[in-house]
Protein backbone atom coordinates (compact mmCIF):
# COMPACT_ATOMS: atom_id res chain seq x y z
CA MET A 1 -16.09 -29.31 5.56
CA GLN A 2 -16.36 -25.71 4.41
CA HIS A 3 -15.76 -25.33 0.67
CA ILE A 4 -13.59 -22.28 0.09
CA ASN A 5 -13.51 -20.68 -3.34
CA PHE A 6 -10.15 -19.04 -2.80
CA ASN A 7 -8.03 -16.71 -4.88
CA ASN A 8 -4.50 -17.99 -5.52
CA ILE A 9 -1.36 -16.11 -6.63
CA GLY A 10 -1.83 -14.75 -10.14
CA LYS A 11 1.64 -15.61 -11.44
CA ILE A 12 4.79 -17.24 -10.06
CA CYS A 13 8.29 -16.77 -11.45
CA TYR A 14 10.61 -19.31 -9.81
CA GLY A 15 14.28 -20.19 -9.88
CA PRO A 16 17.79 -18.94 -9.14
CA GLY A 17 18.29 -15.55 -10.78
CA SER A 18 14.57 -14.93 -11.36
CA PHE A 19 14.84 -11.63 -9.45
CA TYR A 20 16.56 -10.12 -12.48
CA GLN A 21 13.33 -10.54 -14.46
CA LEU A 22 11.42 -8.28 -12.07
CA GLY A 23 11.65 -5.19 -14.28
CA GLU A 24 10.28 -7.08 -17.25
CA ILE A 25 7.56 -8.67 -15.12
CA ILE A 26 6.14 -5.40 -13.77
CA ARG A 27 6.57 -3.33 -16.95
CA PRO A 28 3.07 -4.07 -18.38
CA ARG A 29 1.49 -2.66 -15.20
CA ARG A 30 3.31 0.68 -15.31
CA SER A 31 0.59 2.35 -17.38
CA GLU A 32 -1.98 1.99 -14.59
CA ASN A 33 -3.14 4.81 -12.26
CA GLN A 34 -0.40 7.46 -11.94
CA GLY A 35 2.16 5.29 -13.70
CA TYR A 36 4.75 4.72 -10.99
CA MET A 37 5.79 1.82 -8.74
CA VAL A 38 6.43 1.76 -5.00
CA PHE A 39 9.17 -0.59 -3.81
CA LEU A 40 9.10 -1.60 -0.14
CA VAL A 41 12.48 -3.10 0.70
CA ASP A 42 13.90 -4.55 3.91
CA ASP A 43 16.53 -2.04 5.03
CA TYR A 44 19.02 -4.89 5.43
CA PHE A 45 19.57 -4.47 1.68
CA GLU A 46 20.00 -0.68 1.67
CA ASP A 47 23.78 -0.87 1.30
CA LYS A 48 23.87 -4.24 -0.49
CA ASP A 49 24.11 -5.10 -4.19
CA LEU A 50 20.41 -5.95 -4.34
CA ALA A 51 19.52 -2.29 -3.74
CA ASN A 52 21.26 -1.40 -7.01
CA GLN A 53 19.36 -4.12 -8.87
CA ILE A 54 15.89 -2.80 -8.05
CA PRO A 55 14.27 -1.93 -11.42
CA LYS A 56 13.44 1.65 -10.42
CA GLU A 57 12.30 4.04 -13.15
CA GLY A 58 11.13 7.63 -13.41
CA LYS A 59 8.90 8.66 -10.51
CA ASP A 60 9.14 5.31 -8.70
CA LEU A 61 9.43 5.49 -4.91
CA VAL A 62 11.70 3.22 -2.87
CA TYR A 63 11.17 2.85 0.87
CA PHE A 64 13.74 0.95 2.93
CA ILE A 65 11.87 -0.38 5.96
CA ASP A 66 13.27 -1.61 9.26
CA ALA A 67 11.56 -4.96 9.82
CA SER A 68 14.06 -6.34 12.32
CA HIS A 69 12.28 -5.66 15.60
CA GLU A 70 8.50 -5.42 15.61
CA GLU A 71 5.57 -6.81 13.67
CA PRO A 72 3.92 -4.50 11.08
CA LYS A 73 1.53 -2.05 12.69
CA THR A 74 -1.73 -0.58 11.47
CA SER A 75 -0.34 2.91 12.15
CA GLN A 76 2.63 2.16 9.90
CA ILE A 77 0.35 1.17 7.02
CA ASP A 78 -1.84 4.24 7.46
CA GLU A 79 1.17 6.58 7.48
CA LEU A 80 2.70 4.98 4.39
CA ARG A 81 -0.62 5.16 2.53
CA ASP A 82 -1.23 8.80 3.39
CA GLY A 83 2.32 9.83 2.51
CA ILE A 84 2.35 8.07 -0.85
CA LEU A 85 -1.03 9.43 -1.96
CA ALA A 86 -0.04 12.95 -0.89
CA LYS A 87 3.20 12.79 -2.87
CA GLN A 88 2.16 11.36 -6.22
CA GLY A 89 -1.36 9.98 -6.15
CA LEU A 90 -2.34 6.37 -6.67
CA PRO A 91 0.60 4.16 -7.75
CA ALA A 92 0.50 1.59 -10.52
CA GLY A 93 1.66 -1.08 -8.11
CA ILE A 94 3.46 -2.15 -4.95
CA VAL A 95 6.52 -4.43 -4.89
CA GLY A 96 7.56 -5.91 -1.55
CA ILE A 97 11.15 -7.22 -1.29
CA GLY A 98 12.02 -8.81 2.04
CA GLY A 99 10.74 -11.20 4.69
CA GLY A 100 7.28 -11.93 6.00
CA SER A 101 6.80 -8.49 7.53
CA ILE A 102 7.58 -6.77 4.23
CA MET A 103 5.22 -9.17 2.43
CA ASP A 104 2.43 -8.29 4.87
CA ILE A 105 3.12 -4.55 4.60
CA ALA A 106 2.99 -4.75 0.79
CA LYS A 107 -0.28 -6.68 0.82
CA ALA A 108 -1.90 -4.38 3.38
CA LEU A 109 -0.71 -1.21 1.66
CA SER A 110 -2.09 -2.41 -1.68
CA LEU A 111 -5.53 -2.67 -0.07
CA MET A 112 -5.39 0.51 1.98
CA LEU A 113 -4.45 2.66 -1.02
CA THR A 114 -7.99 2.11 -2.31
CA ASN A 115 -9.95 1.81 0.95
CA GLU A 116 -10.74 4.80 3.16
CA GLY A 117 -10.04 5.16 6.85
CA SER A 118 -7.64 3.42 9.18
CA SER A 119 -6.48 -0.14 8.52
CA THR A 120 -7.80 -0.99 12.01
CA LEU A 121 -11.28 -0.94 10.45
CA TYR A 122 -10.37 -3.88 8.23
CA GLN A 123 -8.69 -6.25 10.70
CA GLY A 124 -10.72 -9.43 10.24
CA LEU A 125 -12.25 -11.60 7.54
CA ASN A 126 -13.73 -10.02 4.39
CA LEU A 127 -14.04 -6.51 5.83
CA VAL A 128 -12.17 -4.85 2.94
CA LYS A 129 -14.60 -3.02 0.65
CA LYS A 130 -12.63 -2.51 -2.58
CA PRO A 131 -9.87 -4.38 -4.45
CA GLY A 132 -6.36 -3.07 -3.91
CA ILE A 133 -3.84 -2.17 -6.58
CA TYR A 134 -1.40 -4.53 -8.29
CA HIS A 135 1.11 -6.00 -5.83
CA CYS A 136 4.12 -8.25 -6.28
CA GLY A 137 6.03 -10.13 -3.58
CA VAL A 138 9.73 -11.01 -3.67
CA PRO A 139 10.59 -12.99 -0.51
CA THR A 140 14.20 -12.86 0.68
CA ILE A 141 13.71 -15.37 3.50
CA SER A 142 11.72 -18.59 3.53
CA GLY A 143 9.24 -19.83 6.06
CA THR A 144 6.45 -17.37 6.75
CA GLY A 145 4.22 -18.40 3.86
CA ALA A 146 3.29 -14.72 3.54
CA GLU A 147 4.15 -14.86 -0.16
CA CYS A 148 1.01 -16.94 -0.82
CA SER A 149 -1.20 -16.19 2.18
CA MET A 150 -4.50 -14.34 1.83
CA THR A 151 -3.76 -12.59 5.14
CA ALA A 152 -1.73 -9.46 5.89
CA VAL A 153 -1.05 -9.72 9.62
CA LEU A 154 -0.99 -6.38 11.48
CA SER A 155 -0.76 -5.32 15.12
CA GLY A 156 -3.23 -2.59 16.02
CA PRO A 157 -3.89 -0.66 19.21
CA GLU A 158 -6.20 -3.38 20.53
CA LYS A 159 -5.36 -6.60 18.69
CA LYS A 160 -3.05 -8.45 16.35
CA LEU A 161 -5.19 -9.63 13.46
CA GLY A 162 -4.86 -9.78 9.72
CA LEU A 163 -6.56 -8.09 6.83
CA LYS A 164 -7.96 -11.19 5.15
CA CYS A 165 -9.88 -11.27 1.89
CA GLU A 166 -9.52 -12.56 -1.68
CA TRP A 167 -7.81 -9.31 -2.76
CA THR A 168 -4.96 -9.67 -0.25
CA VAL A 169 -3.19 -12.35 -2.28
CA PHE A 170 -0.29 -11.19 -4.43
CA ASN A 171 -0.88 -10.78 -8.16
CA GLN A 172 2.70 -11.94 -8.73
CA VAL A 173 5.48 -13.54 -6.71
CA VAL A 174 9.11 -13.94 -7.69
CA LEU A 175 10.76 -16.86 -5.89
CA ASP A 176 14.54 -16.56 -6.21
CA PRO A 177 16.34 -18.82 -3.70
CA LEU A 178 19.59 -16.94 -4.31
CA LEU A 179 18.09 -14.00 -2.38
CA THR A 180 18.00 -16.10 0.82
CA ALA A 181 21.69 -17.03 0.77
CA THR A 182 22.77 -14.26 3.17
CA VAL A 183 20.14 -14.89 5.87
CA PRO A 184 21.82 -15.26 9.31
CA THR A 185 21.58 -18.81 10.64
CA ASP A 186 19.41 -17.98 13.65
CA GLN A 187 16.88 -16.04 11.58
CA TRP A 188 16.97 -18.77 8.90
CA PHE A 189 16.15 -21.35 11.58
CA TYR A 190 13.36 -19.47 13.36
CA THR A 191 11.62 -18.49 10.14
CA GLY A 192 12.01 -21.97 8.69
CA MET A 193 10.35 -23.35 11.81
CA ASP A 194 7.35 -21.18 11.05
CA THR A 195 6.70 -23.35 7.99
CA PHE A 196 7.16 -26.59 9.94
CA ILE A 197 4.81 -25.41 12.69
CA HIS A 198 2.25 -24.14 10.14
CA CYS A 199 2.00 -27.60 8.65
CA ILE A 200 1.86 -29.46 11.96
CA GLU A 201 -0.95 -27.22 13.17
CA SER A 202 -2.73 -27.54 9.83
CA ALA A 203 -2.56 -31.34 10.08
CA THR A 204 -3.77 -31.63 13.68
CA GLY A 205 -7.16 -29.97 13.65
CA ILE A 206 -10.70 -30.36 12.45
CA LYS A 207 -10.25 -28.42 9.20
CA TYR A 208 -7.52 -30.72 7.87
CA ASN A 209 -8.37 -32.28 4.52
CA THR A 210 -6.86 -33.85 1.42
CA PHE A 211 -6.02 -30.51 -0.18
CA SER A 212 -4.13 -29.37 2.92
CA LYS A 213 -2.46 -32.76 3.27
CA ALA A 214 -1.15 -32.76 -0.30
CA TYR A 215 0.78 -29.52 0.25
CA GLY A 216 1.46 -29.98 3.97
CA ASP A 217 3.01 -33.44 3.73
CA GLN A 218 5.43 -32.28 1.07
CA SER A 219 6.32 -29.17 3.07
CA ILE A 220 7.02 -31.22 6.22
CA ALA A 221 9.15 -33.67 4.24
CA LEU A 222 11.20 -30.81 2.79
CA CYS A 223 11.60 -29.24 6.24
CA LYS A 224 12.89 -32.52 7.66
CA GLU A 225 15.42 -32.78 4.82
CA VAL A 226 16.60 -29.21 5.44
CA PHE A 227 16.73 -29.38 9.25
CA LEU A 228 17.27 -33.07 10.07
CA GLY A 229 18.58 -34.71 6.90
CA GLU A 230 22.06 -36.01 6.15
CA ASN A 231 22.93 -32.72 4.44
CA ALA A 232 20.99 -30.48 6.83
CA GLY A 233 21.93 -26.81 6.95
CA GLN A 234 22.14 -23.74 4.77
CA SER A 235 23.13 -24.52 1.19
CA THR A 236 22.00 -23.62 -2.32
CA GLU A 237 20.04 -26.87 -2.56
CA ASN A 238 18.40 -26.46 0.83
CA ASP A 239 17.56 -22.80 0.13
CA GLU A 240 15.50 -24.02 -2.82
CA LYS A 241 13.83 -26.73 -0.74
CA LEU A 242 12.93 -24.32 2.05
CA MET A 243 11.55 -21.74 -0.37
CA LEU A 244 9.19 -24.35 -1.80
CA ALA A 245 8.36 -25.69 1.68
CA SER A 246 7.30 -22.17 2.63
CA LEU A 247 5.07 -21.87 -0.44
CA PHE A 248 3.50 -25.31 0.10
CA GLY A 249 3.02 -24.64 3.81
CA GLY A 250 1.15 -21.43 3.04
CA LEU A 251 -1.06 -23.22 0.52
CA SER A 252 -1.76 -26.00 3.04
CA LEU A 253 -3.09 -23.36 5.42
CA THR A 254 -5.39 -21.89 2.77
CA TYR A 255 -7.75 -24.83 3.20
CA SER A 256 -6.97 -25.48 6.88
CA GLU A 257 -5.94 -23.34 9.85
CA VAL A 258 -3.24 -22.77 12.46
CA GLY A 259 -3.80 -23.65 16.09
CA VAL A 260 -2.57 -23.39 19.67
CA CYS A 261 1.01 -22.33 18.94
CA HIS A 262 0.04 -19.44 16.68
CA ALA A 263 -2.61 -18.22 19.12
CA LEU A 264 0.02 -18.09 21.86
CA SER A 265 2.60 -16.46 19.58
CA TYR A 266 0.15 -13.67 18.71
CA GLY A 267 -0.02 -12.82 22.40
CA LEU A 268 3.77 -12.77 22.72
CA SER A 269 4.08 -10.54 19.67
CA PHE A 270 1.38 -8.12 20.74
CA VAL A 271 2.57 -7.63 24.34
CA PHE A 272 6.34 -7.91 23.94
CA GLY A 273 6.90 -7.30 20.22
CA THR A 274 8.46 -10.76 19.88
CA ARG A 275 9.19 -11.63 16.26
CA HIS A 276 6.68 -14.12 14.87
CA GLY A 277 8.94 -17.07 14.00
CA TYR A 278 10.84 -16.77 17.29
CA ALA A 279 7.58 -16.49 19.25
CA ASN A 280 6.31 -19.66 17.57
CA CYS A 281 9.47 -21.52 18.60
CA ILE A 282 9.17 -20.36 22.21
CA ALA A 283 5.55 -21.54 22.37
CA PHE A 284 5.92 -24.79 20.38
CA ASN A 285 8.73 -25.96 22.64
CA HIS A 286 6.17 -26.35 25.45
CA LEU A 287 3.30 -27.97 23.51
CA GLU A 288 4.25 -31.65 23.43
CA GLU A 289 0.92 -32.59 25.03
CA VAL A 290 -0.87 -31.00 22.05
CA TYR A 291 1.47 -31.80 19.13
CA GLY A 292 3.28 -34.92 20.38
CA ASP A 293 6.03 -36.32 18.16
CA ALA A 294 6.22 -33.11 16.12
CA VAL A 295 7.57 -31.30 19.20
CA ILE A 296 10.12 -34.10 19.66
CA ASP A 297 11.22 -33.58 16.03
CA PHE A 298 11.38 -29.84 16.70
CA LYS A 299 13.62 -30.38 19.71
CA GLY A 300 15.85 -32.55 17.53
CA MET A 301 16.14 -29.65 15.09
CA LEU A 302 17.07 -27.30 17.94
CA LYS A 303 19.81 -29.71 19.00
CA ARG A 304 21.06 -30.22 15.43
CA PHE A 305 21.65 -26.47 15.04
CA ASN A 306 22.72 -25.76 18.62
CA VAL A 307 19.77 -23.43 19.10
CA THR A 308 19.00 -22.71 22.75
CA LEU A 309 15.63 -21.19 23.49
CA PRO A 310 15.22 -19.09 26.66
CA GLN A 311 13.75 -20.81 29.70
CA ASN A 312 11.72 -19.43 32.63
CA LEU A 313 10.70 -16.31 30.73
CA SER A 314 7.46 -16.20 32.69
CA ALA A 315 9.37 -15.67 35.93
CA ASP A 316 9.92 -12.08 34.79
CA TRP A 317 6.40 -11.52 33.47
CA THR A 318 3.80 -9.77 35.59
CA ASP A 319 0.34 -11.24 36.08
CA GLN A 320 -1.00 -8.29 34.07
CA GLU A 321 1.28 -9.14 31.11
CA ILE A 322 0.26 -12.80 31.18
CA THR A 323 -3.41 -11.85 31.31
CA ALA A 324 -2.91 -9.40 28.43
CA MET A 325 -1.32 -12.14 26.28
CA ALA A 326 -4.08 -14.60 27.15
CA THR A 327 -6.70 -12.00 26.26
CA ILE A 328 -5.20 -11.62 22.79
CA ALA A 329 -4.89 -15.40 22.34
CA ILE A 330 -8.41 -16.36 23.45
CA ARG A 331 -9.95 -13.94 20.94
CA LEU A 332 -8.51 -16.07 18.11
CA GLU A 333 -11.47 -18.41 18.28
CA HIS A 334 -10.94 -19.86 14.80
CA MET A 335 -7.54 -21.22 15.90
CA TRP A 336 -8.85 -22.85 19.10
CA ASN A 337 -11.83 -24.25 17.18
CA HIS A 338 -9.48 -25.86 14.65
CA ALA A 339 -7.27 -27.31 17.38
CA PHE A 340 -9.96 -28.62 19.75
CA GLY A 341 -13.22 -28.65 17.81
CA PRO A 342 -16.56 -26.86 18.28
CA ASP A 343 -16.57 -27.60 22.01
CA TRP A 344 -13.16 -26.00 22.52
CA LYS A 345 -14.50 -23.73 25.26
CA LYS A 346 -14.89 -26.79 27.48
CA THR A 347 -11.10 -27.16 27.38
CA VAL A 348 -9.84 -23.65 26.75
CA ASP A 349 -10.42 -20.69 29.03
CA MET A 350 -8.30 -17.84 30.36
CA ALA A 351 -6.86 -20.00 33.14
CA TYR A 352 -5.81 -22.70 30.66
CA ILE A 353 -4.11 -20.21 28.36
CA GLU A 354 -2.42 -18.36 31.21
CA GLY A 355 -1.13 -21.75 32.37
CA LEU A 356 0.45 -22.34 28.94
CA TYR A 357 2.21 -18.98 29.12
CA ARG A 358 3.49 -19.74 32.63
CA ARG A 359 5.31 -22.79 31.26
CA MET A 360 7.46 -20.62 29.00
């Protein structure tokens, strides 16, 4: 077992209505650097009440970002960084308000504001040279685990891979389940499944351990209550449960790893721009031979919420597209190693992965 000395979230403010403490929470950091904050907000909220509740002061900048279609890109981070520095110099901090994509953009931008060159140079483990600036995450959807992950996942010109180091983790998160109340049911489901799949993959590989189990078991139990329980569905109580399941699922992964499903979903996202949670669902639906009863539970959740995933997608994919996805997936060696062990190459090759995509 590898012993990881990992950096956890600095502070957590939790509970219904905690968002309204955000101004007070970030005030002590406003004296740093050029003394202004940058708020990165999902543009879903641009004409909603939440936009008026952002604790903007003085020279603060607010960017409403469309995160509805594609994964965050390295070019997007580089452009944001260059524009912000050119306008007002180095900010005091970054506040991300939105889903997993906004969380990853906030984490990556925090790092790139203090590190030179393109973010493509830092896609990988411990490649970042300098600590980023203060950054705070306010998730408005539950499931990605991005609020506690030490990875900021980005798609670049050649690969989808995260900026991963001890400085990626948020200094502060604000977990207000009231902010998730307006999430559309389909998005709520697909993103919630990301947590469930995280924990199943964490639990079914060689890096699984007691630390991961402690968080992962609780996350899976909460997911089953939310998606299969007697009172399954969106509600104030279940919004709280899913928000904590997301946090616990992310912490379970800190000491473990994801596996086959995430490797395949990275390929789908890179080639077709498929949203991460949805891509996971498409892939997981065909992985019963790898994840067994968990896929049966997943199919029960699909049925419970009348969710129909597309079938025979691969019939419309070219051989070149399938090969491109498999090329992305096979590069994620740490995921295949976790799923199948050090001898994973005896089981997994391009033909095997292409075969998995052809099932979809």
